[in-house]
PDB file of N, CA and C in Angstrom:
ATOM      1  N   MET A   1      72.978  77.977  71.738  1.00  0.00           N
ATOM      2  CA  MET A   1      74.427  78.534  71.378  1.00  0.00           C
ATOM      3  C   MET A   1      74.238  79.968  72.124  1.00  0.00           C
ATOM      4  N   LYS A   2      74.531  80.799  72.506  1.00  0.00           N
ATOM      5  CA  LYS A   2      74.679  82.454  72.831  1.00  0.00           C
ATOM      6  C   LYS A   2      75.028  82.785  71.949  1.00  0.00           C
ATOM      7  N   ASN A   3      75.943  82.425  72.088  1.00  0.00           N
ATOM      8  CA  ASN A   3      76.851  83.593  70.716  1.00  0.00           C
ATOM      9  C   ASN A   3      76.461  83.057  69.076  1.00  0.00           C
ATOM     10  N   LYS A   4      75.785  83.757  68.037  1.00  0.00           N
ATOM     11  CA  LYS A   4      75.681  83.132  66.771  1.00  0.00           C
ATOM     12  C   LYS A   4      76.896  83.037  65.705  1.00  0.00           C
ATOM     13  N   ASN A   5      77.727  84.361  66.496  1.00  0.00           N
ATOM     14  CA  ASN A   5      78.981  84.524  65.308  1.00  0.00           C
ATOM     15  C   ASN A   5      80.118  83.872  65.653  1.00  0.00           C
ATOM     16  N   LEU A   6      80.148  82.414  66.773  1.00  0.00           N
ATOM     17  CA  LEU A   6      80.842  81.761  66.624  1.00  0.00           C
ATOM     18  C   LEU A   6      81.025  80.667  65.832  1.00  0.00           C
ATOM     19  N   ILE A   7      81.943  79.851  64.842  1.00  0.00           N
ATOM     20  CA  ILE A   7      83.057  79.303  64.135  1.00  0.00           C
ATOM     21  C   ILE A   7      82.865  77.937  64.877  1.00  0.00           C
ATOM     22  N   GLN A   8      81.977  77.306  64.419  1.00  0.00           N
ATOM     23  CA  GLN A   8      81.929  75.497  65.256  1.00  0.00           C
ATOM     24  C   GLN A   8      83.406  74.685  64.038  1.00  0.00           C
ATOM     25  N   ILE A   9      84.214  74.287  65.328  1.00  0.00           N
ATOM     26  CA  ILE A   9      85.692  73.801  65.081  1.00  0.00           C
ATOM     27  C   ILE A   9      84.998  72.960  63.822  1.00  0.00           C
ATOM     28  N   LYS A  10      84.232  72.109  63.811  1.00  0.00           N
ATOM     29  CA  LYS A  10      83.964  70.575  63.165  1.00  0.00           C
ATOM     30  C   LYS A  10      83.738  71.230  61.531  1.00  0.00           C
ATOM     31  N   GLN A  11      83.413  72.105  61.995  1.00  0.00           N
ATOM     32  CA  GLN A  11      82.735  72.584  60.350  1.00  0.00           C
ATOM     33  C   GLN A  11      83.686  72.950  59.222  1.00  0.00           C
ATOM     34  N   PHE A  12      84.868  74.335  60.046  1.00  0.00           N
ATOM     35  CA  PHE A  12      85.948  74.265  60.189  1.00  0.00           C
ATOM     36  C   PHE A  12      86.628  73.932  59.563  1.00  0.00           C
ATOM     37  N   CYS A  13      86.840  72.570  59.928  1.00  0.00           N
ATOM     38  CA  CYS A  13      87.429  71.641  59.260  1.00  0.00           C
ATOM     39  C   CYS A  13      86.998  71.462  58.590  1.00  0.00           C
ATOM     40  N   ILE A  14      86.589  70.439  58.079  1.00  0.00           N
ATOM     41  CA  ILE A  14      85.581  70.128  57.008  1.00  0.00           C
ATOM     42  C   ILE A  14      86.071  70.938  55.883  1.00  0.00           C
ATOM     43  N   TYR A  15      85.702  72.079  55.699  1.00  0.00           N
ATOM     44  CA  TYR A  15      85.733  73.520  55.187  1.00  0.00           C
ATOM     45  C   TYR A  15      86.860  73.768  54.082  1.00  0.00           C
ATOM     46  N   HIS A  16      88.500  73.518  55.571  1.00  0.00           N
ATOM     47  CA  HIS A  16      89.266  74.000  54.716  1.00  0.00           C
ATOM     48  C   HIS A  16      90.925  72.337  54.846  1.00  0.00           C
ATOM     49  N   GLU A  17      89.210  70.929  55.368  1.00  0.00           N
ATOM     50  CA  GLU A  17      89.978  69.804  54.838  1.00  0.00           C
ATOM     51  C   GLU A  17      91.481  69.839  55.350  1.00  0.00           C
ATOM     52  N   ILE A  18      90.922  69.843  57.060  1.00  0.00           N
ATOM     53  CA  ILE A  18      92.346  69.324  57.756  1.00  0.00           C
ATOM     54  C   ILE A  18      91.525  68.673  59.371  1.00  0.00           C
ATOM     55  N   GLU A  19      92.453  68.374  60.281  1.00  0.00           N
ATOM     56  CA  GLU A  19      92.051  67.080  60.946  1.00  0.00           C
ATOM     57  C   GLU A  19      91.409  68.366  62.659  1.00  0.00           C
ATOM     58  N   ASN A  20      90.889  67.688  62.587  1.00  0.00           N
ATOM     59  CA  ASN A  20      90.505  68.698  64.275  1.00  0.00           C
ATOM     60  C   ASN A  20      91.548  68.820  64.863  1.00  0.00           C
ATOM     61  N   THR A  21      92.617  67.864  64.831  1.00  0.00           N
ATOM     62  CA  THR A  21      93.556  67.339  66.243  1.00  0.00           C
ATOM     63  C   THR A  21      94.553  68.698  65.639  1.00  0.00           C
ATOM     64  N   PHE A  22      94.429  69.419  65.022  1.00  0.00           N
ATOM     65  CA  PHE A  22      95.073  70.519  64.531  1.00  0.00           C
ATOM     66  C   PHE A  22      95.075  71.759  64.620  1.00  0.00           C
ATOM     67  N   ILE A  23      93.454  72.424  65.370  1.00  0.00           N
ATOM     68  CA  ILE A  23      93.480  73.181  65.974  1.00  0.00           C
ATOM     69  C   ILE A  23      93.519  72.621  67.500  1.00  0.00           C
ATOM     70  N   THR A  24      92.861  71.315  68.063  1.00  0.00           N
ATOM     71  CA  THR A  24      93.057  70.891  69.205  1.00  0.00           C
ATOM     72  C   THR A  24      94.822  72.107  69.419  1.00  0.00           C
ATOM     73  N   GLU A  25      95.960  70.849  68.527  1.00  0.00           N
ATOM     74  CA  GLU A  25      97.181  71.532  69.265  1.00  0.00           C
ATOM     75  C   GLU A  25      97.537  72.706  69.032  1.00  0.00           C
ATOM     76  N   LEU A  26      96.877  73.558  68.229  1.00  0.00           N
ATOM     77  CA  LEU A  26      97.426  74.854  68.344  1.00  0.00           C
ATOM     78  C   LEU A  26      97.177  75.229  69.362  1.00  0.00           C
ATOM     79  N   HIS A  27      95.268  75.262  70.502  1.00  0.00           N
ATOM     80  CA  HIS A  27      94.736  75.596  71.351  1.00  0.00           C
ATOM     81  C   HIS A  27      95.771  74.933  72.448  1.00  0.00           C
ATOM     82  N   ASN A  28      96.362  73.093  72.385  1.00  0.00           N
ATOM     83  CA  ASN A  28      96.826  73.357  73.630  1.00  0.00           C
ATOM     84  C   ASN A  28      98.874  74.451  73.947  1.00  0.00           C
ATOM     85  N   TYR A  29      99.172  74.754  72.277  1.00  0.00           N
ATOM     86  CA  TYR A  29     100.117  75.398  72.873  1.00  0.00           C
ATOM     87  C   TYR A  29      99.895  77.167  72.905  1.00  0.00           C
ATOM     88  N   GLY A  30      98.665  76.986  73.309  1.00  0.00           N
ATOM     89  CA  GLY A  30      98.604  78.685  73.313  1.00  0.00           C
ATOM     90  C   GLY A  30      97.972  79.902  72.390  1.00  0.00           C
ATOM     91  N   LEU A  31      98.432  78.746  71.541  1.00  0.00           N
ATOM     92  CA  LEU A  31      98.385  80.048  69.834  1.00  0.00           C
ATOM     93  C   LEU A  31      96.586  80.510  69.503  1.00  0.00           C
ATOM     94  N   ILE A  32      96.054  80.011  70.193  1.00  0.00           N
ATOM     95  CA  ILE A  32      94.507  79.690  70.112  1.00  0.00           C
ATOM     96  C   ILE A  32      93.352  80.106  70.774  1.00  0.00           C
ATOM     97  N   HIS A  33      92.180  80.034  70.981  1.00  0.00           N
ATOM     98  CA  HIS A  33      91.714  80.351  72.025  1.00  0.00           C
ATOM     99  C   HIS A  33      89.955  79.204  71.698  1.00  0.00           C
ATOM    100  N   ILE A  34      90.023  78.085  72.176  1.00  0.00           N
ATOM    101  CA  ILE A  34      89.186  77.384  71.923  1.00  0.00           C
ATOM    102  C   ILE A  34      87.264  77.579  73.396  1.00  0.00           C
ATOM    103  N   ILE A  35      85.923  77.364  72.612  1.00  0.00           N
ATOM    104  CA  ILE A  35      85.322  78.156  73.231  1.00  0.00           C
ATOM    105  C   ILE A  35      84.468  76.715  73.351  1.00  0.00           C
ATOM    106  N   THR A  36      84.325  76.115  74.032  1.00  0.00           N
ATOM    107  CA  THR A  36      83.414  75.046  74.510  1.00  0.00           C
ATOM    108  C   THR A  36      81.913  75.659  75.181  1.00  0.00           C
ATOM    109  N   GLU A  37      80.554  75.319  74.361  1.00  0.00           N
ATOM    110  CA  GLU A  37      79.561  75.549  74.379  1.00  0.00           C
ATOM    111  C   GLU A  37      78.405  74.682  73.918  1.00  0.00           C
ATOM    112  N   GLU A  38      77.707  74.136  75.024  1.00  0.00           N
ATOM    113  CA  GLU A  38      76.929  73.038  74.682  1.00  0.00           C
ATOM    114  C   GLU A  38      77.495  71.416  73.399  1.00  0.00           C
ATOM    115  N   ASN A  39      78.494  71.252  75.145  1.00  0.00           N
ATOM    116  CA  ASN A  39      79.401  70.619  74.553  1.00  0.00           C
ATOM    117  C   ASN A  39      80.044  70.297  72.776  1.00  0.00           C
ATOM    118  N   ASP A  40      80.264  71.978  72.642  1.00  0.00           N
ATOM    119  CA  ASP A  40      80.948  71.275  71.075  1.00  0.00           C
ATOM    120  C   ASP A  40      81.826  72.822  70.770  1.00  0.00           C
ATOM    121  N   GLU A  41      82.728  72.766  70.721  1.00  0.00           N
ATOM    122  CA  GLU A  41      83.482  73.245  70.160  1.00  0.00           C
ATOM    123  C   GLU A  41      83.961  74.441  68.998  1.00  0.00           C
ATOM    124  N   TYR A  42      84.282  76.111  69.303  1.00  0.00           N
ATOM    125  CA  TYR A  42      84.101  76.840  68.220  1.00  0.00           C
ATOM    126  C   TYR A  42      84.916  78.075  68.174  1.00  0.00           C
ATOM    127  N   LEU A  43      85.404  78.588  67.278  1.00  0.00           N
ATOM    128  CA  LEU A  43      86.279  79.617  67.167  1.00  0.00           C
ATOM    129  C   LEU A  43      85.606  80.548  67.096  1.00  0.00           C
ATOM    130  N   GLU A  44      86.253  82.250  67.835  1.00  0.00           N
ATOM    131  CA  GLU A  44      85.758  83.463  67.548  1.00  0.00           C
ATOM    132  C   GLU A  44      86.662  83.814  66.427  1.00  0.00           C
ATOM    133  N   PRO A  45      85.357  84.825  65.497  1.00  0.00           N
ATOM    134  CA  PRO A  45      86.050  84.926  64.247  1.00  0.00           C
ATOM    135  C   PRO A  45      86.752  86.108  63.258  1.00  0.00           C
ATOM    136  N   LYS A  46      87.597  86.689  64.961  1.00  0.00           N
ATOM    137  CA  LYS A  46      89.056  87.052  64.678  1.00  0.00           C
ATOM    138  C   LYS A  46      89.938  86.684  65.508  1.00  0.00           C
ATOM    139  N   GLN A  47      89.655  85.306  65.138  1.00  0.00           N
ATOM    140  CA  GLN A  47      90.578  84.333  65.293  1.00  0.00           C
ATOM    141  C   GLN A  47      90.971  83.473  64.137  1.00  0.00           C
ATOM    142  N   LEU A  48      89.781  83.397  62.867  1.00  0.00           N
ATOM    143  CA  LEU A  48      89.780  82.897  61.339  1.00  0.00           C
ATOM    144  C   LEU A  48      91.287  83.777  61.055  1.00  0.00           C
ATOM    145  N   PRO A  49      91.776  84.852  60.627  1.00  0.00           N
ATOM    146  CA  PRO A  49      93.003  84.768  59.400  1.00  0.00           C
ATOM    147  C   PRO A  49      94.203  84.839  60.489  1.00  0.00           C
ATOM    148  N   ILE A  50      94.248  84.089  61.816  1.00  0.00           N
ATOM    149  CA  ILE A  50      95.435  83.901  62.474  1.00  0.00           C
ATOM    150  C   ILE A  50      95.281  82.547  62.137  1.00  0.00           C
ATOM    151  N   VAL A  51      94.427  81.486  62.744  1.00  0.00           N
ATOM    152  CA  VAL A  51      94.219  80.275  62.341  1.00  0.00           C
ATOM    153  C   VAL A  51      94.427  80.058  60.838  1.00  0.00           C
ATOM    154  N   GLU A  52      94.217  80.703  59.916  1.00  0.00           N
ATOM    155  CA  GLU A  52      94.395  80.734  58.531  1.00  0.00           C
ATOM    156  C   GLU A  52      95.400  80.145  57.775  1.00  0.00           C
ATOM    157  N   LYS A  53      96.426  80.982  58.537  1.00  0.00           N
ATOM    158  CA  LYS A  53      97.890  81.832  58.358  1.00  0.00           C
ATOM    159  C   LYS A  53      98.650  80.680  58.728  1.00  0.00           C
ATOM    160  N   MET A  54      98.146  79.689  60.248  1.00  0.00           N
ATOM    161  CA  MET A  54      99.009  79.040  60.224  1.00  0.00           C
ATOM    162  C   MET A  54      98.844  77.424  60.161  1.00  0.00           C
ATOM    163  N   ILE A  55      97.375  77.595  59.549  1.00  0.00           N
ATOM    164  CA  ILE A  55      96.874  75.871  58.189  1.00  0.00           C
ATOM    165  C   ILE A  55      97.914  76.347  57.228  1.00  0.00           C
ATOM    166  N   ARG A  56      98.491  77.531  56.597  1.00  0.00           N
ATOM    167  CA  ARG A  56      98.869  77.757  55.578  1.00  0.00           C
ATOM    168  C   ARG A  56     100.931  77.263  55.989  1.00  0.00           C
ATOM    169  N   MET A  57     100.875  77.499  57.264  1.00  0.00           N
ATOM    170  CA  MET A  57     102.436  77.253  57.791  1.00  0.00           C
ATOM    171  C   MET A  57     102.218  75.779  57.837  1.00  0.00           C
ATOM    172  N   HIS A  58     101.878  75.270  58.346  1.00  0.00           N
ATOM    173  CA  HIS A  58     101.818  73.916  58.215  1.00  0.00           C
ATOM    174  C   HIS A  58     101.536  73.095  57.266  1.00  0.00           C
ATOM    175  N   TYR A  59     100.700  73.011  56.519  1.00  0.00           N
ATOM    176  CA  TYR A  59     100.158  72.095  55.131  1.00  0.00           C
ATOM    177  C   TYR A  59     100.898  72.449  54.369  1.00  0.00           C
ATOM    178  N   ASP A  60     100.632  73.897  54.131  1.00  0.00           N
ATOM    179  CA  ASP A  60     102.041  74.615  52.305  1.00  0.00           C
ATOM    180  C   ASP A  60     103.523  74.254  52.677  1.00  0.00           C
ATOM    181  N   LEU A  61     103.656  75.179  54.111  1.00  0.00           N
ATOM    182  CA  LEU A  61     105.368  75.494  54.233  1.00  0.00           C
ATOM    183  C   LEU A  61     105.763  74.054  54.809  1.00  0.00           C
ATOM    184  N   LYS A  62     105.105  73.462  55.278  1.00  0.00           N
ATOM    185  CA  LYS A  62     105.260  72.250  56.370  1.00  0.00           C
ATOM    186  C   LYS A  62     106.146  72.517  57.542  1.00  0.00           C
ATOM    187  N   ILE A  63     105.820  73.707  57.873  1.00  0.00           N
ATOM    188  CA  ILE A  63     106.595  74.142  59.618  1.00  0.00           C
ATOM    189  C   ILE A  63     105.733  73.727  60.520  1.00  0.00           C
ATOM    190  N   ASN A  64     106.415  72.997  61.687  1.00  0.00           N
ATOM    191  CA  ASN A  64     106.051  71.784  62.308  1.00  0.00           C
ATOM    192  C   ASN A  64     105.171  72.371  63.420  1.00  0.00           C
ATOM    193  N   LEU A  65     104.735  71.934  64.233  1.00  0.00           N
ATOM    194  CA  LEU A  65     104.031  73.456  65.305  1.00  0.00           C
ATOM    195  C   LEU A  65     104.666  73.802  66.093  1.00  0.00           C
ATOM    196  N   GLU A  66     105.720  73.532  66.514  1.00  0.00           N
ATOM    197  CA  GLU A  66     106.818  73.725  67.577  1.00  0.00           C
ATOM    198  C   GLU A  66     107.521  75.502  66.149  1.00  0.00           C
ATOM    199  N   GLY A  67     107.755  75.511  65.620  1.00  0.00           N
ATOM    200  CA  GLY A  67     108.258  76.609  64.733  1.00  0.00           C
ATOM    201  C   GLY A  67     107.028  77.233  64.647  1.00  0.00           C
ATOM    202  N   ILE A  68     105.853  76.921  64.173  1.00  0.00           N
ATOM    203  CA  ILE A  68     104.764  78.149  64.229  1.00  0.00           C
ATOM    204  C   ILE A  68     104.463  78.880  64.968  1.00  0.00           C
ATOM    205  N   ASP A  69     105.213  78.087  66.754  1.00  0.00           N
ATOM    206  CA  ASP A  69     104.598  78.295  67.637  1.00  0.00           C
ATOM    207  C   ASP A  69     105.820  79.554  67.834  1.00  0.00           C
ATOM    208  N   ALA A  70     106.729  79.257  67.377  1.00  0.00           N
ATOM    209  CA  ALA A  70     108.190  80.734  67.069  1.00  0.00           C
ATOM    210  C   ALA A  70     107.767  81.599  66.845  1.00  0.00           C
ATOM    211  N   ILE A  71     107.117  81.512  65.473  1.00  0.00           N
ATOM    212  CA  ILE A  71     107.063  82.125  64.663  1.00  0.00           C
ATOM    213  C   ILE A  71     106.657  83.383  64.565  1.00  0.00           C
ATOM    214  N   ALA A  72     105.004  82.429  65.930  1.00  0.00           N
ATOM    215  CA  ALA A  72     103.945  83.078  66.369  1.00  0.00           C
ATOM    216  C   ALA A  72     104.166  84.531  67.549  1.00  0.00           C
ATOM    217  N   ASN A  73     105.155  83.695  68.248  1.00  0.00           N
ATOM    218  CA  ASN A  73     105.939  84.986  68.892  1.00  0.00           C
ATOM    219  C   ASN A  73     107.009  85.693  68.840  1.00  0.00           C
ATOM    220  N   LEU A  74     107.499  85.485  67.577  1.00  0.00           N
ATOM    221  CA  LEU A  74     108.225  86.535  67.341  1.00  0.00           C
ATOM    222  C   LEU A  74     107.829  87.565  66.735  1.00  0.00           C
ATOM    223  N   LEU A  75     106.394  87.426  65.320  1.00  0.00           N
ATOM    224  CA  LEU A  75     105.628  87.804  64.836  1.00  0.00           C
ATOM    225  C   LEU A  75     105.364  89.309  65.882  1.00  0.00           C
ATOM    226  N   ASN A  76     104.358  88.742  67.307  1.00  0.00           N
ATOM    227  CA  ASN A  76     103.770  89.287  68.156  1.00  0.00           C
ATOM    228  C   ASN A  76     105.044  90.147  68.641  1.00  0.00           C
ATOM    229  N   LYS A  77     106.426  90.047  68.905  1.00  0.00           N
ATOM    230  CA  LYS A  77     107.070  90.768  69.588  1.00  0.00           C
ATOM    231  C   LYS A  77     107.546  92.250  68.388  1.00  0.00           C
ATOM    232  N   ILE A  78     107.481  91.466  67.351  1.00  0.00           N
ATOM    233  CA  ILE A  78     107.377  92.884  66.013  1.00  0.00           C
ATOM    234  C   ILE A  78     106.322  93.409  65.789  1.00  0.00           C
ATOM    235  N   GLU A  79     105.096  92.941  65.987  1.00  0.00           N
ATOM    236  CA  GLU A  79     104.042  93.912  66.113  1.00  0.00           C
ATOM    237  C   GLU A  79     104.008  95.346  67.777  1.00  0.00           C
ATOM    238  N   THR A  80     104.581  94.056  68.756  1.00  0.00           N
ATOM    239  CA  THR A  80     104.774  95.365  69.816  1.00  0.00           C
ATOM    240  C   THR A  80     105.799  96.271  69.446  1.00  0.00           C
ATOM    241  N   LEU A  81     107.009  96.142  69.103  1.00  0.00           N
ATOM    242  CA  LEU A  81     107.679  96.679  68.811  1.00  0.00           C
ATOM    243  C   LEU A  81     107.671  97.534  67.499  1.00  0.00           C
ATOM    244  N   GLN A  82     107.044  97.322  66.687  1.00  0.00           N
ATOM    245  CA  GLN A  82     106.564  98.382  65.486  1.00  0.00           C
ATOM    246  C   GLN A  82     105.401  99.413  66.652  1.00  0.00           C
ATOM    247  N   GLN A  83     104.409  99.349  67.254  1.00  0.00           N
ATOM    248  CA  GLN A  83     103.460 100.098  68.347  1.00  0.00           C
ATOM    249  C   GLN A  83     104.340 100.424  69.009  1.00  0.00           C
ATOM    250  N   ASN A  84     105.538 100.660  69.689  1.00  0.00           N
ATOM    251  CA  ASN A  84     106.168 101.375  70.371  1.00  0.00           C
ATOM    252  C   ASN A  84     106.901 102.403  69.261  1.00  0.00           C
ATOM    253  N   LEU A  85     107.128 101.736  68.607  1.00  0.00           N
ATOM    254  CA  LEU A  85     107.691 102.673  67.588  1.00  0.00           C
ATOM    255  C   LEU A  85     107.530 103.662  66.902  1.00  0.00           C
ATOM    256  N   ASN A  86     105.618 103.081  66.787  1.00  0.00           N
ATOM    257  CA  ASN A  86     105.280 104.590  66.503  1.00  0.00           C
ATOM    258  C   ASN A  86     104.625 105.659  68.108  1.00  0.00           C
ATOM    259  N   THR A  87     104.781 104.740  68.299  1.00  0.00           N
ATOM    260  CA  THR A  87     104.438 106.056  69.816  1.00  0.00           C
ATOM    261  C   THR A  87     105.774 106.863  70.155  1.00  0.00           C
ATOM    262  N   VAL A  88     106.837 106.587  69.895  1.00  0.00           N
ATOM    263  CA  VAL A  88     107.543 107.456  70.402  1.00  0.00           C
ATOM    264  C   VAL A  88     108.245 107.996  68.574  1.00  0.00           C
ATOM    265  N   GLN A  89     108.026 107.392  67.638  1.00  0.00           N
ATOM    266  CA  GLN A  89     107.806 108.819  66.894  1.00  0.00           C
ATOM    267  C   GLN A  89     106.688 109.708  66.678  1.00  0.00           C
ATOM    268  N   ASN A  90     105.836 109.237  67.256  1.00  0.00           N
ATOM    269  CA  ASN A  90     104.555 110.410  66.908  1.00  0.00           C
ATOM    270  C   ASN A  90     105.003 111.375  69.191  1.00  0.00           C
ATOM    271  N   ARG A  91     106.008 111.004  69.611  1.00  0.00           N
ATOM    272  CA  ARG A  91     105.913 112.152  70.538  1.00  0.00           C
ATOM    273  C   ARG A  91     106.858 112.697  70.384  1.00  0.00           C
ATOM    274  N   LEU A  92     107.998 112.443  69.029  1.00  0.00           N
ATOM    275  CA  LEU A  92     109.268 112.952  68.444  1.00  0.00           C
ATOM    276  C   LEU A  92     108.833 113.869  68.097  1.00  0.00           C
ATOM    277  N   ARG A  93     107.376 113.827  66.828  1.00  0.00           N
ATOM    278  CA  ARG A  93     107.107 114.766  66.408  1.00  0.00           C
ATOM    279  C   ARG A  93     106.499 116.025  66.907  1.00  0.00           C
ATOM    280  N   ILE A  94     105.986 115.547  68.034  1.00  0.00           N
ATOM    281  CA  ILE A  94     105.035 117.057  68.918  1.00  0.00           C
ATOM    282  C   ILE A  94     106.632 118.199  69.841  1.00  0.00           C
ATOM    283  N   TYR A  95     107.656 117.390  69.652  1.00  0.00           N
ATOM    284  CA  TYR A  95     108.798 118.568  69.788  1.00  0.00           C
ATOM    285  C   TYR A  95     109.084 118.567  68.754  1.00  0.00           C
ATOM    286  N   GLU A  96     109.451 118.503  67.610  1.00  0.00           N
ATOM    287  CA  GLU A  96     109.489 118.412  66.559  1.00  0.00           C
ATOM    288  C   GLU A  96     108.920 120.422  65.788  1.00  0.00           C
ATOM    289  N   GLU A  97     107.190 119.833  66.365  1.00  0.00           N
ATOM    290  CA  GLU A  97     106.377 120.742  65.987  1.00  0.00           C
ATOM    291  C   GLU A  97     106.901 121.927  67.031  1.00  0.00           C
ATOM    292  N   LYS A  98     106.848 121.773  67.998  1.00  0.00           N
ATOM    293  CA  LYS A  98     107.182 123.243  69.159  1.00  0.00           C
ATOM    294  C   LYS A  98     108.894 123.638  68.771  1.00  0.00           C
ATOM    295  N   GLU A  99     110.020 123.337  68.283  1.00  0.00           N
ATOM    296  CA  GLU A  99     110.908 123.488  67.705  1.00  0.00           C
ATOM    297  C   GLU A  99     110.521 124.507  66.569  1.00  0.00           C
ATOM    298  N   THR A 100     109.656 124.079  65.770  1.00  0.00           N
ATOM    299  CA  THR A 100     109.749 124.967  64.519  1.00  0.00           C
ATOM    300  C   THR A 100     108.850 126.462  64.739  1.00  0.00           C
ATOM    301  N   GLU A 101     107.732 126.052  66.019  1.00  0.00           N
ATOM    302  CA  GLU A 101     107.170 127.656  66.186  1.00  0.00           C
ATOM    303  C   GLU A 101     107.608 128.713  66.794  1.00  0.00           C
TER     304      GLU A 101
END
């Protein structure tokens, strides 16, 4: 294995007591990226919080994969809007500071 920081999906599923097919379905919906190396599948560590959030939505809140997909897309849009708002607020501060000088 080239990158030792990758998390083996089989072990991840055993730890979280979930089916491997759930992770495959998340990948099929385009919600996560699976890395295949030496006939084994892995997740990148930066994806763990996202995957664990989706596990909780599905298994604890009983949200189906279509719902998880919709929620993930809405959360991404909210994050983008928040970043845009922060950018605009920073630009506005520049103009406000110039007015006070």
